[in-house]
C-alpha atoms as a PDB file:
ATOM      1  CA  MET A   1     -13.369  30.822   5.077  1.00  0.00           C
ATOM      2  CA  ARG A   2     -14.234  31.729   1.495  1.00  0.00           C
ATOM      3  CA  PHE A   3     -12.367  30.416  -1.557  1.00  0.00           C
ATOM      4  CA  GLU A   4     -12.199  32.550  -4.641  1.00  0.00           C
ATOM      5  CA  VAL A   5     -12.994  30.830  -7.956  1.00  0.00           C
ATOM      6  CA  VAL A   6      -9.530  31.720  -9.293  1.00  0.00           C
ATOM      7  CA  THR A   7      -7.878  30.059  -6.286  1.00  0.00           C
ATOM      8  CA  LEU A   8      -9.956  26.935  -6.783  1.00  0.00           C
ATOM      9  CA  ILE A   9      -9.121  26.756 -10.502  1.00  0.00           C
ATOM     10  CA  ALA A  10      -5.407  27.263  -9.776  1.00  0.00           C
ATOM     11  CA  ALA A  11      -5.466  24.471  -7.199  1.00  0.00           C
ATOM     12  CA  LEU A  12      -7.178  22.090  -9.599  1.00  0.00           C
ATOM     13  CA  ALA A  13      -4.779  22.973 -12.413  1.00  0.00           C
ATOM     14  CA  THR A  14      -1.738  22.075 -10.309  1.00  0.00           C
ATOM     15  CA  THR A  15      -3.129  18.731  -9.176  1.00  0.00           C
ATOM     16  CA  SER A  16      -1.051  16.042 -10.807  1.00  0.00           C
ATOM     17  CA  VAL A  17      -2.665  13.251 -12.740  1.00  0.00           C
ATOM     18  CA  ALA A  18      -1.210   9.794 -12.194  1.00  0.00           C
ATOM     19  CA  ASP A  19       0.667   8.309 -15.128  1.00  0.00           C
ATOM     20  CA  LEU A  20      -0.441   4.961 -16.524  1.00  0.00           C
ATOM     21  CA  LEU A  21       0.563   2.300 -19.031  1.00  0.00           C
ATOM     22  CA  TRP A  22      -1.622   0.476 -21.551  1.00  0.00           C
ATOM     23  CA  ALA A  23       0.412  -2.603 -22.484  1.00  0.00           C
ATOM     24  CA  VAL A  24      -0.365  -4.487 -25.675  1.00  0.00           C
ATOM     25  CA  VAL A  25       1.039  -7.980 -26.180  1.00  0.00           C
ATOM     26  CA  GLU A  26       0.811  -8.993 -29.837  1.00  0.00           C
ATOM     27  CA  CYS A  27       1.480 -12.674 -30.536  1.00  0.00           C
ATOM     28  CA  ASP A  28       1.398 -14.574 -33.804  1.00  0.00           C
ATOM     29  CA  TRP A  29       0.037 -18.113 -34.144  1.00  0.00           C
ATOM     30  CA  ASN A  30       3.596 -19.465 -33.683  1.00  0.00           C
ATOM     31  CA  GLY A  31       3.829 -17.965 -30.181  1.00  0.00           C
ATOM     32  CA  ASN A  32       6.214 -15.108 -31.053  1.00  0.00           C
ATOM     33  CA  CYS A  33       5.157 -12.136 -28.927  1.00  0.00           C
ATOM     34  CA  ASN A  34       5.898  -8.409 -29.054  1.00  0.00           C
ATOM     35  CA  ARG A  35       5.173  -5.663 -26.467  1.00  0.00           C
ATOM     36  CA  ALA A  36       6.752  -2.773 -28.395  1.00  0.00           C
ATOM     37  CA  HIS A  37       3.456  -1.083 -29.298  1.00  0.00           C
ATOM     38  CA  SER A  38       2.322  -0.183 -25.796  1.00  0.00           C
ATOM     39  CA  THR A  39       1.353   3.331 -24.699  1.00  0.00           C
ATOM     40  CA  PHE A  40       2.467   5.322 -21.646  1.00  0.00           C
ATOM     41  CA  TYR A  41       0.099   8.167 -20.705  1.00  0.00           C
ATOM     42  CA  THR A  42       1.158  11.297 -18.826  1.00  0.00           C
ATOM     43  CA  SER A  43      -0.650  14.557 -18.169  1.00  0.00           C
ATOM     44  CA  TYR A  44       1.323  15.959 -21.142  1.00  0.00           C
ATOM     45  CA  GLY A  45       0.489  13.326 -23.753  1.00  0.00           C
ATOM     46  CA  SER A  46       0.825   9.696 -24.770  1.00  0.00           C
ATOM     47  CA  TYR A  47       3.996   7.952 -25.905  1.00  0.00           C
ATOM     48  CA  THR A  48       4.717   4.602 -27.556  1.00  0.00           C
ATOM     49  CA  VAL A  49       6.912   2.422 -25.320  1.00  0.00           C
ATOM     50  CA  ASP A  50       8.290  -1.102 -25.328  1.00  0.00           C
ATOM     51  CA  ALA A  51       6.584  -2.790 -22.356  1.00  0.00           C
ATOM     52  CA  SER A  52       8.768  -5.907 -22.426  1.00  0.00           C
ATOM     53  CA  ASP A  53      10.053  -7.384 -19.172  1.00  0.00           C
ATOM     54  CA  GLY A  54      13.093  -5.576 -17.767  1.00  0.00           C
ATOM     55  CA  CYS A  55      14.441  -2.021 -17.940  1.00  0.00           C
ATOM     56  CA  ARG A  56      14.874   0.192 -21.013  1.00  0.00           C
ATOM     57  CA  GLY A  57      14.805   3.731 -22.314  1.00  0.00           C
ATOM     58  CA  THR A  58      11.599   5.291 -23.612  1.00  0.00           C
ATOM     59  CA  SER A  59      10.417   8.133 -25.822  1.00  0.00           C
ATOM     60  CA  VAL A  60       8.744   9.780 -22.805  1.00  0.00           C
ATOM     61  CA  PRO A  61      10.419  13.200 -22.312  1.00  0.00           C
ATOM     62  CA  GLY A  62      12.482  13.344 -19.109  1.00  0.00           C
ATOM     63  CA  MET A  63      11.972   9.676 -18.194  1.00  0.00           C
ATOM     64  CA  THR A  64      15.289   8.223 -16.997  1.00  0.00           C
ATOM     65  CA  GLU A  65      14.102   4.815 -15.730  1.00  0.00           C
ATOM     66  CA  PHE A  66      11.366   2.488 -16.973  1.00  0.00           C
ATOM     67  CA  CYS A  67      11.260  -1.090 -15.678  1.00  0.00           C
ATOM     68  CA  LEU A  68       8.541  -3.756 -15.720  1.00  0.00           C
ATOM     69  CA  ASP A  69       8.423  -7.078 -13.898  1.00  0.00           C
ATOM     70  CA  TRP A  70       5.655  -9.053 -15.598  1.00  0.00           C
ATOM     71  CA  SER A  71       6.003 -12.066 -13.274  1.00  0.00           C
ATOM     72  CA  ARG A  72       5.125  -9.841 -10.300  1.00  0.00           C
ATOM     73  CA  SER A  73       2.695  -7.534 -12.186  1.00  0.00           C
ATOM     74  CA  ARG A  74       4.620  -4.444 -11.144  1.00  0.00           C
ATOM     75  CA  GLY A  75       7.096  -1.877 -12.392  1.00  0.00           C
ATOM     76  CA  HIS A  76       8.591   1.525 -11.760  1.00  0.00           C
ATOM     77  CA  PHE A  77       9.642   4.659 -13.602  1.00  0.00           C
ATOM     78  CA  LYS A  78      11.504   7.840 -12.752  1.00  0.00           C
ATOM     79  CA  TYR A  79      11.770  11.284 -14.301  1.00  0.00           C
ATOM     80  CA  SER A  80      14.984  13.335 -14.350  1.00  0.00           C
ATOM     81  CA  HIS A  81      13.424  16.155 -12.300  1.00  0.00           C
ATOM     82  CA  GLN A  82      12.285  13.813  -9.500  1.00  0.00           C
ATOM     83  CA  SER A  83      14.444  12.289  -6.774  1.00  0.00           C
ATOM     84  CA  PHE A  84      12.183   9.270  -6.288  1.00  0.00           C
ATOM     85  CA  LYS A  85      10.845   6.421  -8.360  1.00  0.00           C
ATOM     86  CA  ARG A  86       7.138   6.009  -9.031  1.00  0.00           C
ATOM     87  CA  CYS A  87       5.522   2.596  -9.201  1.00  0.00           C
ATOM     88  CA  LEU A  88       3.001   0.808 -11.402  1.00  0.00           C
ATOM     89  CA  VAL A  89       0.879  -2.285 -10.771  1.00  0.00           C
ATOM     90  CA  MET A  90      -1.091  -4.245 -13.328  1.00  0.00           C
ATOM     91  CA  THR A  91      -4.750  -3.651 -12.551  1.00  0.00           C
ATOM     92  CA  GLY A  92      -6.458  -5.484 -15.393  1.00  0.00           C
ATOM     93  CA  ILE A  93      -5.777  -7.802 -18.302  1.00  0.00           C
ATOM     94  CA  THR A  94      -7.859  -8.964 -21.255  1.00  0.00           C
ATOM     95  CA  THR A  95      -6.737 -11.988 -23.242  1.00  0.00           C
ATOM     96  CA  LEU A  96      -7.086 -11.944 -27.018  1.00  0.00           C
ATOM     97  CA  ASN A  97      -6.460 -14.220 -30.002  1.00  0.00           C
ATOM     98  CA  PRO A  98      -4.044 -15.538 -31.113  1.00  0.00           C
ATOM     99  CA  PRO A  99      -3.212 -17.262 -27.794  1.00  0.00           C
ATOM    100  CA  GLY A 100      -0.810 -15.217 -25.672  1.00  0.00           C
ATOM    101  CA  SER A 101      -2.054 -11.868 -26.996  1.00  0.00           C
ATOM    102  CA  SER A 102      -3.513  -9.454 -24.460  1.00  0.00           C
ATOM    103  CA  THR A 103      -3.999  -5.889 -23.356  1.00  0.00           C
ATOM    104  CA  SER A 104      -3.372  -4.817 -19.787  1.00  0.00           C
ATOM    105  CA  SER A 105      -3.658  -1.651 -17.762  1.00  0.00           C
ATOM    106  CA  TRP A 106      -0.921  -0.619 -15.345  1.00  0.00           C
ATOM    107  CA  GLU A 107      -1.780   2.162 -12.907  1.00  0.00           C
ATOM    108  CA  GLU A 108       0.410   4.256 -10.681  1.00  0.00           C
ATOM    109  CA  ARG A 109       0.341   3.151  -7.046  1.00  0.00           C
ATOM    110  CA  ALA A 110       2.397   3.791  -3.953  1.00  0.00           C
ATOM    111  CA  CYS A 111       5.638   1.808  -3.999  1.00  0.00           C
ATOM    112  CA  THR A 112       4.998  -0.990  -1.501  1.00  0.00           C
ATOM    113  CA  TRP A 113       8.072  -3.064  -2.298  1.00  0.00           C
ATOM    114  CA  ARG A 114      11.753  -2.280  -2.431  1.00  0.00           C
ATOM    115  CA  LEU A 115      15.075  -3.732  -3.389  1.00  0.00           C
ATOM    116  CA  PRO A 116      18.084  -3.120  -1.163  1.00  0.00           C
ATOM    117  CA  ALA A 117      20.252  -0.132  -1.980  1.00  0.00           C
ATOM    118  CA  PRO A 118      23.687  -1.145  -3.321  1.00  0.00           C
ATOM    119  CA  GLU A 119      25.287  -0.490   0.077  1.00  0.00           C
ATOM    120  CA  GLU A 120      22.700  -2.796   1.730  1.00  0.00           C
ATOM    121  CA  ALA A 121      23.276  -5.708  -0.636  1.00  0.00           C
ATOM    122  CA  SER A 122      25.037  -8.856   0.478  1.00  0.00           C
ATOM    123  CA  ASN A 123      28.488  -8.086   1.871  1.00  0.00           C
ATOM    124  CA  PRO A 124      30.460 -11.021   3.338  1.00  0.00           C
ATOM    125  CA  ALA A 125      33.008  -8.617   4.862  1.00  0.00           C
ATOM    126  CA  ASN A 126      30.523  -7.239   7.372  1.00  0.00           C
ATOM    127  CA  GLY A 127      28.221 -10.255   7.601  1.00  0.00           C
ATOM    128  CA  THR A 128      25.176  -8.629   6.034  1.00  0.00           C
ATOM    129  CA  ALA A 129      22.825 -10.552   3.784  1.00  0.00           C
ATOM    130  CA  GLU A 130      20.618  -9.275   0.997  1.00  0.00           C
ATOM    131  CA  ALA A 131      16.956  -8.921   1.900  1.00  0.00           C
ATOM    132  CA  THR A 132      14.069  -8.126  -0.376  1.00  0.00           C
ATOM    133  CA  VAL A 133      10.442  -7.495   0.350  1.00  0.00           C
ATOM    134  CA  SER A 134       7.903  -8.998  -2.023  1.00  0.00           C
ATOM    135  CA  VAL A 135       4.390  -7.595  -1.875  1.00  0.00           C
ATOM    136  CA  VAL A 136       1.328  -8.581  -3.868  1.00  0.00           C
ATOM    137  CA  ALA A 137      -0.233  -5.770  -5.897  1.00  0.00           C
ATOM    138  CA  GLU A 138      -2.798  -3.714  -3.995  1.00  0.00           C
ATOM    139  CA  ASP A 139      -5.602  -4.639  -6.378  1.00  0.00           C
ATOM    140  CA  PRO A 140      -6.179  -8.157  -7.697  1.00  0.00           C
ATOM    141  CA  VAL A 141      -5.774  -8.484 -11.449  1.00  0.00           C
ATOM    142  CA  PRO A 142      -9.079  -9.549 -13.027  1.00  0.00           C
ATOM    143  CA  VAL A 143      -8.728 -11.630 -16.170  1.00  0.00           C
ATOM    144  CA  ALA A 144     -11.321 -11.055 -18.882  1.00  0.00           C
ATOM    145  CA  THR A 145     -11.259 -13.548 -21.733  1.00  0.00           C
ATOM    146  CA  GLY A 146     -14.145 -12.185 -23.741  1.00  0.00           C
ATOM    147  CA  ALA A 147     -16.109 -15.363 -23.012  1.00  0.00           C
ATOM    148  CA  PRO A 148     -19.387 -15.009 -21.100  1.00  0.00           C
ATOM    149  CA  GLN A 149     -19.013 -15.407 -17.345  1.00  0.00           C
ATOM    150  CA  GLN A 150     -21.049 -18.179 -15.746  1.00  0.00           C
END
């Protein structure tokens, strides 16, 4: 079977690039920290986002959900034209000064955890109990402090 160059170029052009987040935690010497100057990258551009813990709106066109769980190094996002959420895991972190400041990379990964749908949540009337699955990120998060490794 022979592929034409045009077919190959068209196939490569429609391949989607995974979205990613570059989170910046800026702390002052008093321990007050801010994550509002982080950047979310898509195949269409880069957008400033607030990467604080929890869910919030963003400036990313079409994004309807954006949630981060820093304690579990994971998050998810969803676009209006998609019927499914897409997940992020923290894949690297570099600590900076002042203490508490850092940069971290969050890459798109398959969603390997889930929360129960509202109809599955705890319901005493039918005897069901809420269940959640907690999964460790696929890749360990290396910590780079800028100090030489021994």
